[in-house]
Amino acid sequence: MKVLITGGAGFIGSHLAEAYCKRGNEVYIIDDLSTGSMDNLKHLHANRILRERLHVTVDSVLN
């Protein structure tokens, strides 16, 4: 399944992304980093299997 998470670099979004990735889903994140941080996604990028399922776009959902 493909999952889109807006605000995925925030605390809740990053944990949600991790849960979906671990279940084998393809996860797409859109975050403008106004309150989130790429540091919240470091643990996902460190894991090769999870990293292949994660796609991050830094932009506003309004664009």
Protein backbone atom coordinates (compact mmCIF):
# COMPACT_ATOMS: atom_id res chain seq x y z
CA MET A 1 0.00 0.00 0.00
CA LYS A 2 1.16 3.57 -0.65
CA VAL A 3 0.80 6.00 2.26
CA LEU A 4 1.07 9.81 2.18
CA ILE A 5 1.93 11.55 5.46
CA THR A 6 1.85 15.33 5.63
CA GLY A 7 4.03 16.63 8.44
CA GLY A 8 6.02 13.41 8.41
CA ALA A 9 9.19 15.01 9.77
CA GLY A 10 7.45 15.92 13.01
CA PHE A 11 7.36 13.76 16.13
CA ILE A 12 4.06 12.00 15.43
CA GLY A 13 4.51 11.85 11.66
CA SER A 14 7.97 10.30 11.88
CA HIS A 15 6.74 7.55 14.20
CA LEU A 16 3.78 6.95 11.92
CA ALA A 17 6.13 6.72 8.93
CA GLU A 18 8.29 4.21 10.77
CA ALA A 19 5.29 2.04 11.63
CA TYR A 20 4.05 2.00 8.02
CA CYS A 21 7.55 1.30 6.63
CA LYS A 22 8.02 -1.62 9.02
CA ARG A 23 4.75 -3.10 7.76
CA GLY A 24 6.14 -3.06 4.21
CA ASN A 25 4.25 -0.03 2.93
CA GLU A 26 5.63 2.58 0.53
CA VAL A 27 5.63 5.85 2.52
CA TYR A 28 5.61 9.33 1.00
CA ILE A 29 6.24 12.30 3.29
CA ILE A 30 5.58 15.96 2.55
CA ASP A 31 6.84 18.40 5.17
CA ASP A 32 7.86 22.06 4.97
CA LEU A 33 10.06 21.63 8.08
CA SER A 34 8.45 24.64 9.76
CA THR A 35 8.12 22.64 12.99
CA GLY A 36 9.48 19.24 11.97
CA SER A 37 13.10 18.24 11.47
CA MET A 38 14.94 15.82 9.21
CA ASP A 39 16.65 14.62 12.41
CA ASN A 40 13.36 12.88 13.26
CA LEU A 41 13.81 10.69 10.17
CA LYS A 42 17.51 9.83 10.66
CA HIS A 43 16.75 6.42 12.16
CA LEU A 44 14.70 5.51 9.07
CA HIS A 45 17.44 6.62 6.66
CA ALA A 46 20.00 4.57 8.63
CA ASN A 47 18.07 1.34 7.94
CA ARG A 48 18.58 0.32 4.29
CA ILE A 49 15.34 -1.67 4.02
CA LEU A 50 13.21 1.10 5.51
CA ARG A 51 15.06 3.78 3.51
CA GLU A 52 14.02 2.07 0.25
CA ARG A 53 10.36 2.41 1.26
CA LEU A 54 10.60 6.08 2.29
CA HIS A 55 10.26 9.08 -0.04
CA VAL A 56 10.60 12.57 1.47
CA THR A 57 9.68 15.87 -0.19
CA VAL A 58 10.49 19.13 1.57
CA ASP A 59 7.77 21.51 0.41
CA SER A 60 4.44 22.94 1.43
CA VAL A 61 1.29 20.98 0.61
CA LEU A 62 -0.08 24.24 -0.78
CA ASN A 63 2.44 24.23 -3.65
